[in-house]
Amino acid sequence: MQNLDLDQIKEGLPGISPIFGSFLSEASLVCLDSQCHKCGVGLAIYGAYEDKYSLIWTDQITEQIKATVLTI
């Protein structure tokens, strides 16, 4: 199983600026936290491409992050 590091999104990717990447990372963490997922949770991809990943991150979810993401 490969690791998918959500912290890397904050650095930006082709077509995703670092600022938007930071938002995507925070939004992902709020969603994962709302379902009580912890760092290392598995993610299986099925379809034309299939693989399994372990989602990892270092950021902590704060009430400010939750409030920001949930208002959008």
N, C-alpha and C. Protein backbone atom coordinates (compact mmCIF):
# COMPACT_ATOMS: atom_id res chain seq x y z
N MET A 1 0.86 -1.18 0.00
CA MET A 1 0.00 0.00 0.00
C MET A 1 0.90 1.24 0.00
N GLN A 2 0.58 2.16 -0.87
CA GLN A 2 1.33 3.41 -0.98
C GLN A 2 0.77 4.46 -0.03
N ASN A 3 1.62 5.41 0.35
CA ASN A 3 1.17 6.55 1.15
C ASN A 3 0.74 7.68 0.24
N LEU A 4 -0.34 8.33 0.61
CA LEU A 4 -0.79 9.55 -0.05
C LEU A 4 -0.76 10.64 1.01
N ASP A 5 0.22 11.53 0.90
CA ASP A 5 0.47 12.55 1.91
C ASP A 5 -0.33 13.82 1.59
N LEU A 6 -1.35 14.08 2.37
CA LEU A 6 -2.21 15.25 2.14
C LEU A 6 -1.46 16.56 2.39
N ASP A 7 -0.36 16.52 3.15
CA ASP A 7 0.43 17.72 3.38
C ASP A 7 1.09 18.22 2.09
N GLN A 8 1.37 17.33 1.16
CA GLN A 8 2.02 17.73 -0.09
C GLN A 8 1.13 18.60 -0.97
N ILE A 9 -0.18 18.46 -0.83
CA ILE A 9 -1.10 19.28 -1.63
C ILE A 9 -0.89 20.76 -1.32
N LYS A 10 -0.52 21.06 -0.06
CA LYS A 10 -0.32 22.46 0.35
C LYS A 10 0.83 23.12 -0.39
N GLU A 11 1.74 22.33 -0.93
CA GLU A 11 2.88 22.88 -1.67
C GLU A 11 2.50 23.24 -3.11
N GLY A 12 1.32 22.82 -3.52
CA GLY A 12 0.88 23.06 -4.88
C GLY A 12 1.23 21.89 -5.78
N LEU A 13 0.49 21.75 -6.84
CA LEU A 13 0.67 20.70 -7.83
C LEU A 13 0.46 21.33 -9.20
N PRO A 14 0.81 20.65 -10.27
CA PRO A 14 0.50 21.22 -11.59
C PRO A 14 -1.01 21.51 -11.69
N GLY A 15 -1.34 22.76 -11.91
CA GLY A 15 -2.74 23.16 -12.01
C GLY A 15 -3.40 23.51 -10.69
N ILE A 16 -2.67 23.36 -9.57
CA ILE A 16 -3.22 23.70 -8.25
C ILE A 16 -2.20 24.59 -7.54
N SER A 17 -2.59 25.81 -7.22
CA SER A 17 -1.69 26.73 -6.53
C SER A 17 -1.52 26.28 -5.08
N PRO A 18 -0.43 26.71 -4.43
CA PRO A 18 -0.26 26.37 -3.01
C PRO A 18 -1.41 26.87 -2.12
N ILE A 19 -1.98 28.02 -2.43
CA ILE A 19 -3.09 28.54 -1.62
C ILE A 19 -4.32 27.65 -1.77
N PHE A 20 -4.67 27.31 -3.00
CA PHE A 20 -5.83 26.43 -3.20
C PHE A 20 -5.52 25.03 -2.66
N GLY A 21 -4.28 24.59 -2.81
CA GLY A 21 -3.88 23.29 -2.25
C GLY A 21 -4.05 23.25 -0.75
N SER A 22 -3.75 24.37 -0.07
CA SER A 22 -3.95 24.44 1.38
C SER A 22 -5.42 24.31 1.74
N PHE A 23 -6.28 24.98 0.95
CA PHE A 23 -7.71 24.85 1.19
C PHE A 23 -8.17 23.41 1.00
N LEU A 24 -7.72 22.78 -0.09
CA LEU A 24 -8.12 21.39 -0.35
C LEU A 24 -7.65 20.46 0.76
N SER A 25 -6.46 20.69 1.25
CA SER A 25 -5.94 19.87 2.35
C SER A 25 -6.80 20.03 3.60
N GLU A 26 -7.10 21.28 3.96
CA GLU A 26 -7.94 21.52 5.14
C GLU A 26 -9.33 20.93 4.96
N ALA A 27 -9.93 21.10 3.79
CA ALA A 27 -11.26 20.56 3.54
C ALA A 27 -11.25 19.03 3.65
N SER A 28 -10.21 18.41 3.11
CA SER A 28 -10.09 16.96 3.20
C SER A 28 -10.01 16.50 4.65
N LEU A 29 -9.21 17.22 5.43
CA LEU A 29 -9.05 16.84 6.83
C LEU A 29 -10.34 17.02 7.63
N VAL A 30 -11.10 18.06 7.33
CA VAL A 30 -12.39 18.26 8.01
C VAL A 30 -13.33 17.10 7.68
N CYS A 31 -13.37 16.69 6.42
CA CYS A 31 -14.21 15.56 6.02
C CYS A 31 -13.77 14.27 6.70
N LEU A 32 -12.47 14.02 6.70
CA LEU A 32 -11.95 12.80 7.34
C LEU A 32 -12.23 12.81 8.84
N ASP A 33 -12.04 13.97 9.47
CA ASP A 33 -12.29 14.10 10.90
C ASP A 33 -13.78 13.90 11.23
N SER A 34 -14.66 14.39 10.37
CA SER A 34 -16.10 14.26 10.63
C SER A 34 -16.54 12.79 10.63
N GLN A 35 -15.76 11.94 9.99
CA GLN A 35 -16.07 10.51 9.95
C GLN A 35 -15.19 9.71 10.92
N CYS A 36 -14.49 10.44 11.80
CA CYS A 36 -13.61 9.86 12.84
C CYS A 36 -12.45 9.05 12.27
N HIS A 37 -11.98 9.44 11.07
CA HIS A 37 -10.81 8.79 10.50
C HIS A 37 -9.55 9.39 11.09
N LYS A 38 -8.56 8.56 11.28
CA LYS A 38 -7.27 8.98 11.82
C LYS A 38 -6.21 8.87 10.73
N CYS A 39 -5.09 9.53 10.93
CA CYS A 39 -3.96 9.45 10.01
C CYS A 39 -3.61 7.97 9.79
N GLY A 40 -3.45 7.60 8.53
CA GLY A 40 -3.14 6.22 8.18
C GLY A 40 -4.33 5.44 7.66
N VAL A 41 -5.51 6.08 7.62
CA VAL A 41 -6.71 5.39 7.15
C VAL A 41 -6.50 4.93 5.70
N GLY A 42 -7.06 3.79 5.36
CA GLY A 42 -6.92 3.26 4.01
C GLY A 42 -7.92 3.86 3.04
N LEU A 43 -7.52 3.96 1.79
CA LEU A 43 -8.37 4.46 0.72
C LEU A 43 -8.19 3.55 -0.48
N ALA A 44 -9.26 2.92 -0.92
CA ALA A 44 -9.20 2.04 -2.09
C ALA A 44 -9.83 2.75 -3.28
N ILE A 45 -9.14 2.70 -4.42
CA ILE A 45 -9.60 3.32 -5.66
C ILE A 45 -10.02 2.18 -6.60
N TYR A 46 -11.22 2.27 -7.14
CA TYR A 46 -11.72 1.26 -8.08
C TYR A 46 -12.22 1.94 -9.34
N GLY A 47 -12.05 1.29 -10.46
CA GLY A 47 -12.50 1.82 -11.74
C GLY A 47 -11.46 1.54 -12.80
N ALA A 48 -11.27 2.49 -13.71
CA ALA A 48 -10.27 2.33 -14.76
C ALA A 48 -8.87 2.19 -14.16
N TYR A 49 -8.67 2.80 -13.00
CA TYR A 49 -7.41 2.72 -12.26
C TYR A 49 -7.74 2.17 -10.88
N GLU A 50 -7.02 1.17 -10.44
CA GLU A 50 -7.26 0.60 -9.12
C GLU A 50 -5.98 0.56 -8.31
N ASP A 51 -6.09 0.97 -7.05
CA ASP A 51 -4.95 0.93 -6.15
C ASP A 51 -5.45 1.16 -4.73
N LYS A 52 -4.57 0.97 -3.78
CA LYS A 52 -4.89 1.21 -2.38
C LYS A 52 -3.84 2.15 -1.81
N TYR A 53 -4.30 3.10 -1.01
CA TYR A 53 -3.43 4.10 -0.41
C TYR A 53 -3.68 4.19 1.09
N SER A 54 -2.70 4.65 1.78
CA SER A 54 -2.82 5.02 3.18
C SER A 54 -2.74 6.54 3.22
N LEU A 55 -3.80 7.21 3.68
CA LEU A 55 -3.82 8.67 3.75
C LEU A 55 -3.07 9.11 5.00
N ILE A 56 -2.10 9.98 4.81
CA ILE A 56 -1.34 10.48 5.95
C ILE A 56 -1.34 12.01 5.94
N TRP A 57 -1.22 12.59 7.13
CA TRP A 57 -1.16 14.05 7.28
C TRP A 57 -0.61 14.37 8.66
N THR A 58 -0.16 15.61 8.83
CA THR A 58 0.39 16.03 10.12
C THR A 58 -0.43 17.15 10.76
N ASP A 59 -1.22 17.86 9.98
CA ASP A 59 -1.99 18.99 10.52
C ASP A 59 -3.03 18.53 11.53
N GLN A 60 -3.28 19.41 12.49
CA GLN A 60 -4.33 19.19 13.47
C GLN A 60 -5.56 19.98 13.05
N ILE A 61 -6.73 19.42 13.26
CA ILE A 61 -7.98 20.11 12.94
C ILE A 61 -8.33 21.01 14.12
N THR A 62 -8.48 22.30 13.84
CA THR A 62 -8.87 23.25 14.87
C THR A 62 -10.33 23.67 14.64
N GLU A 63 -10.91 24.28 15.64
CA GLU A 63 -12.28 24.79 15.50
C GLU A 63 -12.34 25.86 14.42
N GLN A 64 -11.29 26.66 14.28
CA GLN A 64 -11.26 27.70 13.25
C GLN A 64 -11.28 27.06 11.86
N ILE A 65 -10.50 26.01 11.67
CA ILE A 65 -10.49 25.31 10.36
C ILE A 65 -11.87 24.73 10.07
N LYS A 66 -12.46 24.07 11.07
CA LYS A 66 -13.80 23.51 10.87
C LYS A 66 -14.80 24.59 10.50
N ALA A 67 -14.78 25.70 11.23
CA ALA A 67 -15.73 26.78 10.97
C ALA A 67 -15.54 27.36 9.58
N THR A 68 -14.30 27.51 9.16
CA THR A 68 -14.01 28.08 7.85
C THR A 68 -14.51 27.16 6.74
N VAL A 69 -14.16 25.90 6.82
CA VAL A 69 -14.52 24.95 5.77
C VAL A 69 -16.03 24.72 5.72
N LEU A 70 -16.66 24.64 6.87
CA LEU A 70 -18.08 24.33 6.92
C LEU A 70 -18.96 25.51 6.49
N THR A 71 -18.41 26.72 6.39
CA THR A 71 -19.21 27.86 5.95
C THR A 71 -19.21 28.00 4.43
N ILE A 72 -18.40 27.24 3.76
CA ILE A 72 -18.30 27.35 2.30
C ILE A 72 -19.28 26.42 1.63
